[in-house]
Full PDB file with SEQRES, HELIX, SHEET, SSBOND, CRYST1, ORIGX, SCALE, CONECT and MASTER records, all heavy atoms in Angstrom:
SEQRES   1 A   38  ALA GLY GLY SER GLY ALA ALA THR ALA GLY ALA THR ALA          
SEQRES   2 A   38  GLU VAL TYR ASP PRO ALA SER GLY THR TRP SER SER THR          
SEQRES   3 A   38  GLY SER MET VAL TRP GLY ARG TYR MET HIS THR ALA              
SHEET    1 AA1 2 ALA A  13  ASP A  17  0                                        
SHEET    2 AA1 2 THR A  22  THR A  26 -1                                        
CRYST1    1.000    1.000    1.000  90.00  90.00  90.00 P 1           1          
ORIGX1      1.000000  0.000000  0.000000        0.00000                         
ORIGX2      0.000000  1.000000  0.000000        0.00000                         
ORIGX3      0.000000  0.000000  1.000000        0.00000                         
SCALE1      1.000000  0.000000  0.000000        0.00000                         
SCALE2      0.000000  1.000000  0.000000        0.00000                         
SCALE3      0.000000  0.000000  1.000000        0.00000                         
ATOM      1  N   ALA A   1      10.768  -7.548 -12.044  1.00  0.00           N  
ATOM      2  CA  ALA A   1       9.654  -8.468 -12.295  1.00  0.00           C  
ATOM      3  C   ALA A   1       9.817  -9.769 -11.544  1.00  0.00           C  
ATOM      4  O   ALA A   1      10.917 -10.327 -11.449  1.00  0.00           O  
ATOM      5  CB  ALA A   1       9.542  -8.747 -13.794  1.00  0.00           C  
ATOM      6  N   GLY A   2       8.687 -10.263 -10.999  1.00  0.00           N  
ATOM      7  CA  GLY A   2       8.603 -11.586 -10.427  1.00  0.00           C  
ATOM      8  C   GLY A   2       9.425 -11.774  -9.172  1.00  0.00           C  
ATOM      9  O   GLY A   2       9.720 -10.846  -8.424  1.00  0.00           O  
ATOM     10  N   GLY A   3       9.811 -13.022  -8.939  1.00  0.00           N  
ATOM     11  CA  GLY A   3      10.575 -13.378  -7.759  1.00  0.00           C  
ATOM     12  C   GLY A   3       9.695 -13.947  -6.671  1.00  0.00           C  
ATOM     13  O   GLY A   3       8.473 -14.052  -6.793  1.00  0.00           O  
ATOM     14  N   SER A   4      10.339 -14.337  -5.588  1.00  0.00           N  
ATOM     15  CA  SER A   4       9.623 -14.816  -4.408  1.00  0.00           C  
ATOM     16  C   SER A   4       9.830 -13.802  -3.297  1.00  0.00           C  
ATOM     17  O   SER A   4      10.754 -13.000  -3.334  1.00  0.00           O  
ATOM     18  CB  SER A   4      10.139 -16.193  -3.985  1.00  0.00           C  
ATOM     19  OG  SER A   4      11.539 -16.125  -3.702  1.00  0.00           O  
ATOM     20  N   GLY A   5       8.970 -13.814  -2.321  1.00  0.00           N  
ATOM     21  CA  GLY A   5       9.058 -12.846  -1.239  1.00  0.00           C  
ATOM     22  C   GLY A   5       8.063 -13.172  -0.149  1.00  0.00           C  
ATOM     23  O   GLY A   5       7.364 -14.194  -0.203  1.00  0.00           O  
ATOM     24  N   ALA A   6       7.988 -12.256   0.802  1.00  0.00           N  
ATOM     25  CA  ALA A   6       7.106 -12.486   1.941  1.00  0.00           C  
ATOM     26  C   ALA A   6       5.664 -12.686   1.499  1.00  0.00           C  
ATOM     27  O   ALA A   6       4.925 -13.485   2.075  1.00  0.00           O  
ATOM     28  CB  ALA A   6       7.213 -11.315   2.915  1.00  0.00           C  
ATOM     29  N   ALA A   7       5.259 -11.925   0.479  1.00  0.00           N  
ATOM     30  CA  ALA A   7       3.888 -12.052  -0.021  1.00  0.00           C  
ATOM     31  C   ALA A   7       3.866 -12.803  -1.346  1.00  0.00           C  
ATOM     32  O   ALA A   7       2.868 -12.808  -2.054  1.00  0.00           O  
ATOM     33  CB  ALA A   7       3.264 -10.677  -0.194  1.00  0.00           C  
ATOM     34  N   THR A   8       5.005 -13.442  -1.709  1.00  0.00           N  
ATOM     35  CA  THR A   8       5.196 -14.116  -2.988  1.00  0.00           C  
ATOM     36  C   THR A   8       4.980 -13.127  -4.130  1.00  0.00           C  
ATOM     37  O   THR A   8       3.869 -12.898  -4.596  1.00  0.00           O  
ATOM     38  CB  THR A   8       4.245 -15.322  -3.156  1.00  0.00           C  
ATOM     39  OG1 THR A   8       4.392 -16.162  -2.021  1.00  0.00           O  
ATOM     40  CG2 THR A   8       4.603 -16.091  -4.403  1.00  0.00           C  
ATOM     41  N   ALA A   9       6.079 -12.533  -4.573  1.00  0.00           N  
ATOM     42  CA  ALA A   9       6.022 -11.509  -5.614  1.00  0.00           C  
ATOM     43  C   ALA A   9       5.358 -12.050  -6.872  1.00  0.00           C  
ATOM     44  O   ALA A   9       4.581 -11.372  -7.532  1.00  0.00           O  
ATOM     45  CB  ALA A   9       7.435 -11.004  -5.918  1.00  0.00           C  
ATOM     46  N   GLY A  10       5.686 -13.308  -7.218  1.00  0.00           N  
ATOM     47  CA  GLY A  10       4.980 -13.997  -8.287  1.00  0.00           C  
ATOM     48  C   GLY A  10       4.965 -13.288  -9.612  1.00  0.00           C  
ATOM     49  O   GLY A  10       5.983 -13.122 -10.264  1.00  0.00           O  
ATOM     50  N   ALA A  11       3.778 -12.842 -10.033  1.00  0.00           N  
ATOM     51  CA  ALA A  11       3.605 -12.253 -11.355  1.00  0.00           C  
ATOM     52  C   ALA A  11       3.731 -10.730 -11.353  1.00  0.00           C  
ATOM     53  O   ALA A  11       3.736 -10.117 -12.413  1.00  0.00           O  
ATOM     54  CB  ALA A  11       2.236 -12.647 -11.914  1.00  0.00           C  
ATOM     55  N   THR A  12       3.850 -10.105 -10.207  1.00  0.00           N  
ATOM     56  CA  THR A  12       3.831  -8.647 -10.172  1.00  0.00           C  
ATOM     57  C   THR A  12       5.117  -8.051 -10.723  1.00  0.00           C  
ATOM     58  O   THR A  12       6.171  -8.691 -10.759  1.00  0.00           O  
ATOM     59  CB  THR A  12       3.621  -8.131  -8.736  1.00  0.00           C  
ATOM     60  OG1 THR A  12       4.749  -8.496  -7.937  1.00  0.00           O  
ATOM     61  CG2 THR A  12       2.349  -8.707  -8.133  1.00  0.00           C  
ATOM     62  N   ALA A  13       5.027  -6.795 -11.150  1.00  0.00           N  
ATOM     63  CA  ALA A  13       6.178  -6.065 -11.676  1.00  0.00           C  
ATOM     64  C   ALA A  13       6.046  -4.602 -11.299  1.00  0.00           C  
ATOM     65  O   ALA A  13       4.936  -4.093 -11.088  1.00  0.00           O  
ATOM     66  CB  ALA A  13       6.267  -6.227 -13.190  1.00  0.00           C  
ATOM     67  N   GLU A  14       7.162  -3.917 -11.215  1.00  0.00           N  
ATOM     68  CA  GLU A  14       7.170  -2.482 -10.930  1.00  0.00           C  
ATOM     69  C   GLU A  14       8.363  -1.834 -11.607  1.00  0.00           C  
ATOM     70  O   GLU A  14       9.301  -2.515 -12.038  1.00  0.00           O  
ATOM     71  CB  GLU A  14       7.157  -2.219  -9.429  1.00  0.00           C  
ATOM     72  CG  GLU A  14       8.150  -2.994  -8.606  1.00  0.00           C  
ATOM     73  CD  GLU A  14       7.836  -2.926  -7.112  1.00  0.00           C  
ATOM     74  OE1 GLU A  14       7.817  -1.802  -6.565  1.00  0.00           O  
ATOM     75  OE2 GLU A  14       7.628  -3.994  -6.486  1.00  0.00           O  
ATOM     76  N   VAL A  15       8.305  -0.501 -11.715  1.00  0.00           N  
ATOM     77  CA  VAL A  15       9.314   0.253 -12.461  1.00  0.00           C  
ATOM     78  C   VAL A  15       9.924   1.315 -11.568  1.00  0.00           C  
ATOM     79  O   VAL A  15       9.207   2.057 -10.877  1.00  0.00           O  
ATOM     80  CB  VAL A  15       8.683   0.900 -13.712  1.00  0.00           C  
ATOM     81  CG1 VAL A  15       9.691   1.815 -14.410  1.00  0.00           C  
ATOM     82  CG2 VAL A  15       8.206  -0.179 -14.684  1.00  0.00           C  
ATOM     83  N   TYR A  16      11.250   1.399 -11.588  1.00  0.00           N  
ATOM     84  CA  TYR A  16      11.987   2.421 -10.831  1.00  0.00           C  
ATOM     85  C   TYR A  16      12.383   3.556 -11.769  1.00  0.00           C  
ATOM     86  O   TYR A  16      12.896   3.322 -12.870  1.00  0.00           O  
ATOM     87  CB  TYR A  16      13.232   1.823 -10.197  1.00  0.00           C  
ATOM     88  CG  TYR A  16      14.108   2.842  -9.498  1.00  0.00           C  
ATOM     89  CD1 TYR A  16      13.757   3.355  -8.251  1.00  0.00           C  
ATOM     90  CD2 TYR A  16      15.288   3.293 -10.089  1.00  0.00           C  
ATOM     91  CE1 TYR A  16      14.552   4.295  -7.613  1.00  0.00           C  
ATOM     92  CE2 TYR A  16      16.093   4.233  -9.450  1.00  0.00           C  
ATOM     93  CZ  TYR A  16      15.719   4.724  -8.216  1.00  0.00           C  
ATOM     94  OH  TYR A  16      16.505   5.656  -7.582  1.00  0.00           O  
ATOM     95  N   ASP A  17      12.120   4.786 -11.336  1.00  0.00           N  
ATOM     96  CA  ASP A  17      12.459   5.975 -12.110  1.00  0.00           C  
ATOM     97  C   ASP A  17      13.631   6.685 -11.435  1.00  0.00           C  
ATOM     98  O   ASP A  17      13.463   7.299 -10.377  1.00  0.00           O  
ATOM     99  CB  ASP A  17      11.256   6.912 -12.195  1.00  0.00           C  
ATOM    100  CG  ASP A  17      11.522   8.126 -13.074  1.00  0.00           C  
ATOM    101  OD1 ASP A  17      12.680   8.318 -13.505  1.00  0.00           O  
ATOM    102  OD2 ASP A  17      10.577   8.898 -13.326  1.00  0.00           O  
ATOM    103  N   PRO A  18      14.844   6.620 -12.012  1.00  0.00           N  
ATOM    104  CA  PRO A  18      15.994   7.271 -11.373  1.00  0.00           C  
ATOM    105  C   PRO A  18      15.837   8.777 -11.224  1.00  0.00           C  
ATOM    106  O   PRO A  18      16.420   9.382 -10.319  1.00  0.00           O  
ATOM    107  CB  PRO A  18      17.154   6.940 -12.324  1.00  0.00           C  
ATOM    108  CG  PRO A  18      16.714   5.734 -13.076  1.00  0.00           C  
ATOM    109  CD  PRO A  18      15.235   5.900 -13.236  1.00  0.00           C  
ATOM    110  N   ALA A  19      15.050   9.407 -12.110  1.00  0.00           N  
ATOM    111  CA  ALA A  19      14.887  10.861 -12.055  1.00  0.00           C  
ATOM    112  C   ALA A  19      14.180  11.296 -10.781  1.00  0.00           C  
ATOM    113  O   ALA A  19      14.516  12.321 -10.183  1.00  0.00           O  
ATOM    114  CB  ALA A  19      14.123  11.357 -13.283  1.00  0.00           C  
ATOM    115  N   SER A  20      13.205  10.502 -10.342  1.00  0.00           N  
ATOM    116  CA  SER A  20      12.435  10.854  -9.143  1.00  0.00           C  
ATOM    117  C   SER A  20      12.784   9.989  -7.936  1.00  0.00           C  
ATOM    118  O   SER A  20      12.404  10.310  -6.808  1.00  0.00           O  
ATOM    119  CB  SER A  20      10.938  10.730  -9.428  1.00  0.00           C  
ATOM    120  OG  SER A  20      10.602   9.391  -9.761  1.00  0.00           O  
ATOM    121  N   GLY A  21      13.512   8.878  -8.189  1.00  0.00           N  
ATOM    122  CA  GLY A  21      13.841   7.969  -7.097  1.00  0.00           C  
ATOM    123  C   GLY A  21      12.642   7.219  -6.557  1.00  0.00           C  
ATOM    124  O   GLY A  21      12.631   6.789  -5.404  1.00  0.00           O  
ATOM    125  N   THR A  22      11.606   7.033  -7.394  1.00  0.00           N  
ATOM    126  CA  THR A  22      10.366   6.399  -6.945  1.00  0.00           C  
ATOM    127  C   THR A  22      10.053   5.147  -7.753  1.00  0.00           C  
ATOM    128  O   THR A  22      10.537   4.958  -8.875  1.00  0.00           O  
ATOM    129  CB  THR A  22       9.185   7.373  -7.065  1.00  0.00           C  
ATOM    130  OG1 THR A  22       9.060   7.797  -8.430  1.00  0.00           O  
ATOM    131  CG2 THR A  22       9.406   8.589  -6.178  1.00  0.00           C  
ATOM    132  N   TRP A  23       9.205   4.292  -7.155  1.00  0.00           N  
ATOM    133  CA  TRP A  23       8.730   3.069  -7.787  1.00  0.00           C  
ATOM    134  C   TRP A  23       7.262   3.223  -8.160  1.00  0.00           C  
ATOM    135  O   TRP A  23       6.509   3.875  -7.451  1.00  0.00           O  
ATOM    136  CB  TRP A  23       8.875   1.887  -6.838  1.00  0.00           C  
ATOM    137  CG  TRP A  23      10.280   1.563  -6.453  1.00  0.00           C  
ATOM    138  CD1 TRP A  23      11.007   2.108  -5.437  1.00  0.00           C  
ATOM    139  CD2 TRP A  23      11.137   0.606  -7.079  1.00  0.00           C  
ATOM    140  NE1 TRP A  23      12.260   1.553  -5.395  1.00  0.00           N  
ATOM    141  CE2 TRP A  23      12.372   0.630  -6.383  1.00  0.00           C  
ATOM    142  CE3 TRP A  23      10.985  -0.272  -8.160  1.00  0.00           C  
ATOM    143  CZ2 TRP A  23      13.430  -0.199  -6.743  1.00  0.00           C  
ATOM    144  CZ3 TRP A  23      12.042  -1.093  -8.504  1.00  0.00           C  
ATOM    145  CH2 TRP A  23      13.252  -1.055  -7.809  1.00  0.00           C  
ATOM    146  N   SER A  24       6.857   2.597  -9.250  1.00  0.00           N  
ATOM    147  CA  SER A  24       5.445   2.588  -9.632  1.00  0.00           C  
ATOM    148  C   SER A  24       5.090   1.211 -10.176  1.00  0.00           C  
ATOM    149  O   SER A  24       5.914   0.554 -10.834  1.00  0.00           O  
ATOM    150  CB  SER A  24       5.155   3.665 -10.683  1.00  0.00           C  
ATOM    151  OG  SER A  24       5.938   3.468 -11.845  1.00  0.00           O  
ATOM    152  N   SER A  25       3.871   0.780  -9.910  1.00  0.00           N  
ATOM    153  CA  SER A  25       3.422  -0.522 -10.388  1.00  0.00           C  
ATOM    154  C   SER A  25       3.213  -0.497 -11.890  1.00  0.00           C  
ATOM    155  O   SER A  25       2.880   0.537 -12.476  1.00  0.00           O  
ATOM    156  CB  SER A  25       2.120  -0.923  -9.697  1.00  0.00           C  
ATOM    157  OG  SER A  25       2.326  -1.096  -8.310  1.00  0.00           O  
ATOM    158  N   THR A  26       3.423  -1.621 -12.524  1.00  0.00           N  
ATOM    159  CA  THR A  26       3.118  -1.781 -13.935  1.00  0.00           C  
ATOM    160  C   THR A  26       2.366  -3.092 -14.098  1.00  0.00           C  
ATOM    161  O   THR A  26       2.088  -3.776 -13.108  1.00  0.00           O  
ATOM    162  CB  THR A  26       4.396  -1.740 -14.795  1.00  0.00           C  
ATOM    163  OG1 THR A  26       4.039  -1.677 -16.184  1.00  0.00           O  
ATOM    164  CG2 THR A  26       5.293  -2.935 -14.542  1.00  0.00           C  
ATOM    165  N   GLY A  27       2.001  -3.428 -15.324  1.00  0.00           N  
ATOM    166  CA  GLY A  27       1.205  -4.624 -15.546  1.00  0.00           C  
ATOM    167  C   GLY A  27       1.858  -5.884 -14.990  1.00  0.00           C  
ATOM    168  O   GLY A  27       3.085  -6.003 -14.943  1.00  0.00           O  
ATOM    169  N   SER A  28       1.042  -6.850 -14.568  1.00  0.00           N  
ATOM    170  CA  SER A  28       1.545  -8.115 -14.051  1.00  0.00           C  
ATOM    171  C   SER A  28       1.822  -9.095 -15.180  1.00  0.00           C  
ATOM    172  O   SER A  28       1.181  -9.049 -16.247  1.00  0.00           O  
ATOM    173  CB  SER A  28       0.533  -8.741 -13.082  1.00  0.00           C  
ATOM    174  OG  SER A  28       0.443  -7.980 -11.896  1.00  0.00           O  
ATOM    175  N   MET A  29       2.777  -9.973 -14.953  1.00  0.00           N  
ATOM    176  CA  MET A  29       3.114 -10.984 -15.943  1.00  0.00           C  
ATOM    177  C   MET A  29       1.964 -11.973 -16.124  1.00  0.00           C  
ATOM    178  O   MET A  29       1.084 -12.096 -15.279  1.00  0.00           O  
ATOM    179  CB  MET A  29       4.390 -11.722 -15.535  1.00  0.00           C  
ATOM    180  CG  MET A  29       5.638 -10.847 -15.547  1.00  0.00           C  
ATOM    181  SD  MET A  29       7.176 -11.781 -15.252  1.00  0.00           S  
ATOM    182  CE  MET A  29       6.965 -12.187 -13.511  1.00  0.00           C  
ATOM    183  N   VAL A  30       2.009 -12.690 -17.240  1.00  0.00           N  
ATOM    184  CA  VAL A  30       1.017 -13.726 -17.497  1.00  0.00           C  
ATOM    185  C   VAL A  30       1.187 -14.858 -16.488  1.00  0.00           C  
ATOM    186  O   VAL A  30       0.219 -15.451 -16.016  1.00  0.00           O  
ATOM    187  CB  VAL A  30       1.159 -14.264 -18.935  1.00  0.00           C  
ATOM    188  CG1 VAL A  30       0.155 -15.386 -19.196  1.00  0.00           C  
ATOM    189  CG2 VAL A  30       0.987 -13.131 -19.946  1.00  0.00           C  
ATOM    190  N   TRP A  31       2.448 -15.155 -16.130  1.00  0.00           N  
ATOM    191  CA  TRP A  31       2.780 -16.220 -15.198  1.00  0.00           C  
ATOM    192  C   TRP A  31       3.556 -15.648 -14.011  1.00  0.00           C  
ATOM    193  O   TRP A  31       4.360 -14.743 -14.168  1.00  0.00           O  
ATOM    194  CB  TRP A  31       3.662 -17.273 -15.872  1.00  0.00           C  
ATOM    195  CG  TRP A  31       2.986 -18.087 -16.926  1.00  0.00           C  
ATOM    196  CD1 TRP A  31       2.881 -17.776 -18.244  1.00  0.00           C  
ATOM    197  CD2 TRP A  31       2.344 -19.345 -16.750  1.00  0.00           C  
ATOM    198  NE1 TRP A  31       2.210 -18.766 -18.918  1.00  0.00           N  
ATOM    199  CE2 TRP A  31       1.867 -19.746 -18.020  1.00  0.00           C  
ATOM    200  CE3 TRP A  31       2.119 -20.175 -15.658  1.00  0.00           C  
ATOM    201  CZ2 TRP A  31       1.182 -20.942 -18.216  1.00  0.00           C  
ATOM    202  CZ3 TRP A  31       1.449 -21.371 -15.856  1.00  0.00           C  
ATOM    203  CH2 TRP A  31       0.979 -21.746 -17.121  1.00  0.00           C  
ATOM    204  N   GLY A  32       3.339 -16.208 -12.837  1.00  0.00           N  
ATOM    205  CA  GLY A  32       4.217 -15.926 -11.715  1.00  0.00           C  
ATOM    206  C   GLY A  32       5.540 -16.655 -11.924  1.00  0.00           C  
ATOM    207  O   GLY A  32       5.548 -17.805 -12.369  1.00  0.00           O  
ATOM    208  N   ARG A  33       6.664 -15.990 -11.617  1.00  0.00           N  
ATOM    209  CA  ARG A  33       7.963 -16.591 -11.917  1.00  0.00           C  
ATOM    210  C   ARG A  33       9.007 -16.244 -10.855  1.00  0.00           C  
ATOM    211  O   ARG A  33       8.968 -15.172 -10.259  1.00  0.00           O  
ATOM    212  CB  ARG A  33       8.509 -16.075 -13.262  1.00  0.00           C  
ATOM    213  CG  ARG A  33       7.643 -16.316 -14.466  1.00  0.00           C  
ATOM    214  CD  ARG A  33       8.239 -15.621 -15.685  1.00  0.00           C  
ATOM    215  NE  ARG A  33       7.365 -15.699 -16.839  1.00  0.00           N  
ATOM    216  CZ  ARG A  33       7.409 -16.677 -17.748  1.00  0.00           C  
ATOM    217  NH1 ARG A  33       8.282 -17.658 -17.617  1.00  0.00           N  
ATOM    218  NH2 ARG A  33       6.577 -16.674 -18.783  1.00  0.00           N  
ATOM    219  N   TYR A  34       9.964 -17.134 -10.692  1.00  0.00           N  
ATOM    220  CA  TYR A  34      11.216 -16.818 -10.016  1.00  0.00           C  
ATOM    221  C   TYR A  34      12.303 -17.724 -10.587  1.00  0.00           C  
ATOM    222  O   TYR A  34      12.018 -18.731 -11.218  1.00  0.00           O  
ATOM    223  CB  TYR A  34      11.103 -16.960  -8.496  1.00  0.00           C  
ATOM    224  CG  TYR A  34      10.920 -18.353  -7.955  1.00  0.00           C  
ATOM    225  CD1 TYR A  34      11.979 -19.043  -7.382  1.00  0.00           C  
ATOM    226  CD2 TYR A  34       9.666 -18.971  -7.986  1.00  0.00           C  
ATOM    227  CE1 TYR A  34      11.814 -20.314  -6.863  1.00  0.00           C  
ATOM    228  CE2 TYR A  34       9.493 -20.232  -7.467  1.00  0.00           C  
ATOM    229  CZ  TYR A  34      10.570 -20.915  -6.908  1.00  0.00           C  
ATOM    230  OH  TYR A  34      10.397 -22.175  -6.412  1.00  0.00           O  
ATOM    231  N   MET A  35      13.558 -17.306 -10.425  1.00  0.00           N  
ATOM    232  CA  MET A  35      14.695 -17.978 -11.054  1.00  0.00           C  
ATOM    233  C   MET A  35      14.534 -17.988 -12.575  1.00  0.00           C  
ATOM    234  O   MET A  35      14.931 -18.933 -13.262  1.00  0.00           O  
ATOM    235  CB  MET A  35      14.888 -19.394 -10.513  1.00  0.00           C  
ATOM    236  CG  MET A  35      15.220 -19.434  -9.030  1.00  0.00           C  
ATOM    237  SD  MET A  35      15.482 -21.092  -8.369  1.00  0.00           S  
ATOM    238  CE  MET A  35      17.043 -21.509  -9.160  1.00  0.00           C  
ATOM    239  N   HIS A  36      13.967 -16.919 -13.112  1.00  0.00           N  
ATOM    240  CA  HIS A  36      13.788 -16.739 -14.542  1.00  0.00           C  
ATOM    241  C   HIS A  36      14.873 -15.803 -15.067  1.00  0.00           C  
ATOM    242  O   HIS A  36      15.740 -15.360 -14.325  1.00  0.00           O  
ATOM    243  CB  HIS A  36      12.399 -16.178 -14.833  1.00  0.00           C  
ATOM    244  CG  HIS A  36      12.081 -14.927 -14.063  1.00  0.00           C  
ATOM    245  ND1 HIS A  36      11.850 -14.924 -12.699  1.00  0.00           N  
ATOM    246  CD2 HIS A  36      11.984 -13.626 -14.449  1.00  0.00           C  
ATOM    247  CE1 HIS A  36      11.612 -13.692 -12.277  1.00  0.00           C  
ATOM    248  NE2 HIS A  36      11.701 -12.883 -13.319  1.00  0.00           N  
ATOM    249  N   THR A  37      14.826 -15.472 -16.356  1.00  0.00           N  
ATOM    250  CA  THR A  37      15.715 -14.471 -16.942  1.00  0.00           C  
ATOM    251  C   THR A  37      14.889 -13.404 -17.648  1.00  0.00           C  
ATOM    252  O   THR A  37      13.758 -13.652 -18.080  1.00  0.00           O  
ATOM    253  CB  THR A  37      16.693 -15.091 -17.955  1.00  0.00           C  
ATOM    254  OG1 THR A  37      15.949 -15.770 -18.984  1.00  0.00           O  
ATOM    255  CG2 THR A  37      17.651 -16.066 -17.282  1.00  0.00           C  
ATOM    256  N   ALA A  38      15.465 -12.212 -17.764  1.00  0.00           N  
ATOM    257  CA  ALA A  38      14.827 -11.103 -18.484  1.00  0.00           C  
ATOM    258  C   ALA A  38      15.868 -10.494 -19.407  1.00  0.00           C  
ATOM    259  O   ALA A  38      16.980 -10.174 -18.968  1.00  0.00           O  
ATOM    260  CB  ALA A  38      14.299 -10.058 -17.510  1.00  0.00           C  
TER     261      ALA A  38                                                      
MASTER        0    0    0    0    2    0    0    6  260    1    0    3          
END                                                                             
């Protein structure tokens, strides 16, 4: 979740599935964040 990046990751989040080795998008955070904790 979150972070900064080339496109500013901001509020976006995604989920990694070890069984398939793939990523999928999930709901975005209420706030864009970086240097946060989870």
